[in-house]
Each structure stands twice: as structure tokens, then as C-alpha cells.
């Protein structure tokens, strides 16, 4: 009985490891190489391929971030969510649409 449980546990571990290793099969090598060069310390990377871009969702420095690449592996942009109290003072007022987002506690900043 112990051998059956042990064998099952090993098979599950191998299966899960190979599934996670193949998680970026739909992303070309140039994009993954560029990503690892740009974000060497990134963890928990998940890929999503869209029509015009490839999106990497990952964690770095304790924050969830999003990097967008084209098919050639060029970085298009990086996005991360931040709390409204972390925005520069000039961004917290004067812009009606920005003020609406801040009232809801949401802000999206795109770094290029």
C-alpha cells in the first residue's frame, strides 16, 4: 500500500512539473529570452498570447506586474497596479477621469 501511494505521489509530481515547464509552449523563444533578460528576478510567470501582443503576468519585488511583447520579442510596455496614495500629488487632482479612478481606488500606470 505504501508503494502504491509513493508511486502515485511521484507520478503526480512529475506530471505537474512537466505541465508547468510547458506553460509557455505557445510563446516563441525570442519573447521568452527578452523577458528573462528584462526581468531576471521575475517569479510565477504566466503567459497569455493575444492577436497583436504577448502578455507575461509575473511577480517581482512582491508586486504583480504585466509585460507586453510583440512577436519579435520587443518590449511594448510594462504595467503594474499601485494604490492611489502612492501616486504623485499632481496626478491626484485636476483630471476628472483620473479622479474617478482614484475614487474607486484603482489606478493603472503604464511605464514605457
C-alpha atoms as a PDB file:
ATOM      1  CA  UNK A   1       0.000   0.000   0.000  1.00  0.00           C
ATOM      2  CA  UNK A   2       2.845   2.388   0.843  1.00  0.00           C
ATOM      3  CA  UNK A   3       4.484   1.650  -2.504  1.00  0.00           C
ATOM      4  CA  UNK A   4       1.256   2.495  -4.347  1.00  0.00           C
ATOM      5  CA  UNK A   5       0.895   5.812  -2.517  1.00  0.00           C
ATOM      6  CA  UNK A   6       4.566   6.654  -3.033  1.00  0.00           C
ATOM      7  CA  UNK A   7       4.410   5.775  -6.738  1.00  0.00           C
ATOM      8  CA  UNK A   8       1.239   7.842  -7.178  1.00  0.00           C
ATOM      9  CA  UNK A   9       2.849  10.828  -5.452  1.00  0.00           C
ATOM     10  CA  UNK A  10       5.916  10.584  -7.681  1.00  0.00           C
ATOM     11  CA  UNK A  11       3.785  10.373 -10.832  1.00  0.00           C
ATOM     12  CA  UNK A  12       1.746  13.426  -9.790  1.00  0.00           C
ATOM     13  CA  UNK A  13       4.912  15.400  -9.063  1.00  0.00           C
ATOM     14  CA  UNK A  14       6.416  14.536 -12.440  1.00  0.00           C
ATOM     15  CA  UNK A  15       3.153  15.320 -14.230  1.00  0.00           C
ATOM     16  CA  UNK A  16       2.754  18.704 -12.561  1.00  0.00           C
ATOM     17  CA  UNK A  17       6.390  19.617 -13.146  1.00  0.00           C
ATOM     18  CA  UNK A  18       6.167  18.837 -16.853  1.00  0.00           C
ATOM     19  CA  UNK A  19       2.878  20.722 -17.160  1.00  0.00           C
ATOM     20  CA  UNK A  20       4.376  23.846 -15.610  1.00  0.00           C
ATOM     21  CA  UNK A  21       7.527  23.516 -17.714  1.00  0.00           C
ATOM     22  CA  UNK A  22       5.389  23.537 -20.872  1.00  0.00           C
ATOM     23  CA  UNK A  23       3.284  26.511 -19.761  1.00  0.00           C
ATOM     24  CA  UNK A  24       4.963  28.817 -22.285  1.00  0.00           C
ATOM     25  CA  UNK A  25       4.867  26.458 -25.292  1.00  0.00           C
ATOM     26  CA  UNK A  26       2.742  28.936 -27.235  1.00  0.00           C
ATOM     27  CA  UNK A  27       5.331  31.718 -26.774  1.00  0.00           C
ATOM     28  CA  UNK A  28       8.333  31.880 -29.098  1.00  0.00           C
ATOM     29  CA  UNK A  29      11.907  31.672 -27.809  1.00  0.00           C
ATOM     30  CA  UNK A  30      12.752  35.277 -28.714  1.00  0.00           C
ATOM     31  CA  UNK A  31       9.989  36.585 -26.440  1.00  0.00           C
ATOM     32  CA  UNK A  32      10.986  34.388 -23.506  1.00  0.00           C
ATOM     33  CA  UNK A  33      14.681  35.295 -23.918  1.00  0.00           C
ATOM     34  CA  UNK A  34      13.824  39.002 -23.976  1.00  0.00           C
ATOM     35  CA  UNK A  35      11.594  38.624 -20.950  1.00  0.00           C
ATOM     36  CA  UNK A  36      14.250  36.819 -18.897  1.00  0.00           C
ATOM     37  CA  UNK A  37      16.792  39.469 -19.895  1.00  0.00           C
ATOM     38  CA  UNK A  38      14.438  42.333 -18.956  1.00  0.00           C
ATOM     39  CA  UNK A  39      13.070  40.758 -15.763  1.00  0.00           C
ATOM     40  CA  UNK A  40      15.744  38.385 -14.473  1.00  0.00           C
ATOM     41  CA  UNK A  41      14.273  38.236 -10.951  1.00  0.00           C
ATOM     42  CA  UNK A  42      10.662  37.618 -12.056  1.00  0.00           C
ATOM     43  CA  UNK A  43       8.780  34.756 -10.426  1.00  0.00           C
ATOM     44  CA  UNK A  44       5.498  32.952 -11.149  1.00  0.00           C
ATOM     45  CA  UNK A  45       5.457  33.872 -14.853  1.00  0.00           C
ATOM     46  CA  UNK A  46       2.264  33.111 -16.778  1.00  0.00           C
ATOM     47  CA  UNK A  47       1.941  33.735 -20.498  1.00  0.00           C
ATOM     48  CA  UNK A  48      -1.093  34.822 -22.484  1.00  0.00           C
ATOM     49  CA  UNK A  49      -0.891  35.107 -26.270  1.00  0.00           C
ATOM     50  CA  UNK A  50      -3.247  37.551 -27.960  1.00  0.00           C
ATOM     51  CA  UNK A  51      -3.644  38.621 -31.583  1.00  0.00           C
ATOM     52  CA  UNK A  52      -1.276  41.619 -31.506  1.00  0.00           C
ATOM     53  CA  UNK A  53       0.818  41.005 -28.400  1.00  0.00           C
ATOM     54  CA  UNK A  54       2.028  38.505 -25.822  1.00  0.00           C
ATOM     55  CA  UNK A  55       1.375  39.277 -22.173  1.00  0.00           C
ATOM     56  CA  UNK A  56       3.503  37.988 -19.294  1.00  0.00           C
ATOM     57  CA  UNK A  57       1.966  38.187 -15.844  1.00  0.00           C
ATOM     58  CA  UNK A  58       4.574  37.822 -13.122  1.00  0.00           C
ATOM     59  CA  UNK A  59       5.645  38.759  -9.623  1.00  0.00           C
ATOM     60  CA  UNK A  60       8.706  40.879  -8.949  1.00  0.00           C
ATOM     61  CA  UNK A  61       9.689  42.604  -5.709  1.00  0.00           C
ATOM     62  CA  UNK A  62       6.426  41.420  -4.174  1.00  0.00           C
ATOM     63  CA  UNK A  63       4.257  43.116  -6.823  1.00  0.00           C
ATOM     64  CA  UNK A  64       2.201  41.639  -9.622  1.00  0.00           C
ATOM     65  CA  UNK A  65       3.295  43.124 -12.932  1.00  0.00           C
ATOM     66  CA  UNK A  66       2.384  42.736 -16.590  1.00  0.00           C
ATOM     67  CA  UNK A  67       4.839  42.953 -19.504  1.00  0.00           C
ATOM     68  CA  UNK A  68       3.674  43.195 -23.100  1.00  0.00           C
ATOM     69  CA  UNK A  69       5.836  41.998 -26.011  1.00  0.00           C
ATOM     70  CA  UNK A  70       5.414  41.838 -29.765  1.00  0.00           C
ATOM     71  CA  UNK A  71       6.209  38.662 -31.722  1.00  0.00           C
ATOM     72  CA  UNK A  72       9.781  39.865 -32.318  1.00  0.00           C
ATOM     73  CA  UNK A  73      10.480  39.956 -28.596  1.00  0.00           C
ATOM     74  CA  UNK A  74      10.431  43.735 -28.293  1.00  0.00           C
ATOM     75  CA  UNK A  75       9.041  45.069 -25.029  1.00  0.00           C
ATOM     76  CA  UNK A  76       5.938  47.171 -25.737  1.00  0.00           C
ATOM     77  CA  UNK A  77       5.144  48.210 -22.186  1.00  0.00           C
ATOM     78  CA  UNK A  78       5.062  47.299 -18.511  1.00  0.00           C
ATOM     79  CA  UNK A  79       2.023  47.747 -16.295  1.00  0.00           C
ATOM     80  CA  UNK A  80       1.562  47.422 -12.574  1.00  0.00           C
ATOM     81  CA  UNK A  81      -1.232  48.354 -10.229  1.00  0.00           C
ATOM     82  CA  UNK A  82      -0.457  50.827  -7.483  1.00  0.00           C
ATOM     83  CA  UNK A  83      -2.522  52.314  -4.692  1.00  0.00           C
ATOM     84  CA  UNK A  84      -3.791  55.848  -5.248  1.00  0.00           C
ATOM     85  CA  UNK A  85      -1.933  57.157  -2.191  1.00  0.00           C
ATOM     86  CA  UNK A  86       1.350  56.172  -3.899  1.00  0.00           C
ATOM     87  CA  UNK A  87       0.702  58.402  -6.934  1.00  0.00           C
ATOM     88  CA  UNK A  88       2.471  61.753  -7.360  1.00  0.00           C
ATOM     89  CA  UNK A  89       0.430  64.659  -5.963  1.00  0.00           C
ATOM     90  CA  UNK A  90      -0.064  66.178  -9.433  1.00  0.00           C
ATOM     91  CA  UNK A  91      -1.882  63.044 -10.580  1.00  0.00           C
ATOM     92  CA  UNK A  92      -4.383  63.001  -7.716  1.00  0.00           C
ATOM     93  CA  UNK A  93      -6.351  66.059  -8.833  1.00  0.00           C
ATOM     94  CA  UNK A  94      -7.203  68.156 -11.835  1.00  0.00           C
ATOM     95  CA  UNK A  95      -8.085  65.294 -14.168  1.00  0.00           C
ATOM     96  CA  UNK A  96     -11.769  64.299 -13.988  1.00  0.00           C
ATOM     97  CA  UNK A  97     -11.231  60.794 -15.351  1.00  0.00           C
ATOM     98  CA  UNK A  98      -8.224  60.237 -13.112  1.00  0.00           C
ATOM     99  CA  UNK A  99     -10.198  61.457 -10.096  1.00  0.00           C
ATOM    100  CA  UNK A 100     -12.987  58.950 -10.893  1.00  0.00           C
ATOM    101  CA  UNK A 101     -10.484  56.085 -10.978  1.00  0.00           C
ATOM    102  CA  UNK A 102      -8.897  57.256  -7.750  1.00  0.00           C
ATOM    103  CA  UNK A 103     -12.267  57.383  -6.002  1.00  0.00           C
ATOM    104  CA  UNK A 104     -12.713  53.708  -6.860  1.00  0.00           C
ATOM    105  CA  UNK A 105      -9.196  53.003  -5.546  1.00  0.00           C
ATOM    106  CA  UNK A 106      -7.894  51.926  -8.953  1.00  0.00           C
ATOM    107  CA  UNK A 107      -5.050  53.294 -10.985  1.00  0.00           C
ATOM    108  CA  UNK A 108      -3.157  51.807 -13.903  1.00  0.00           C
ATOM    109  CA  UNK A 109       0.215  53.246 -14.784  1.00  0.00           C
ATOM    110  CA  UNK A 110       1.972  52.237 -17.971  1.00  0.00           C
ATOM    111  CA  UNK A 111       5.743  52.563 -17.938  1.00  0.00           C
ATOM    112  CA  UNK A 112       7.387  52.859 -21.336  1.00  0.00           C
END
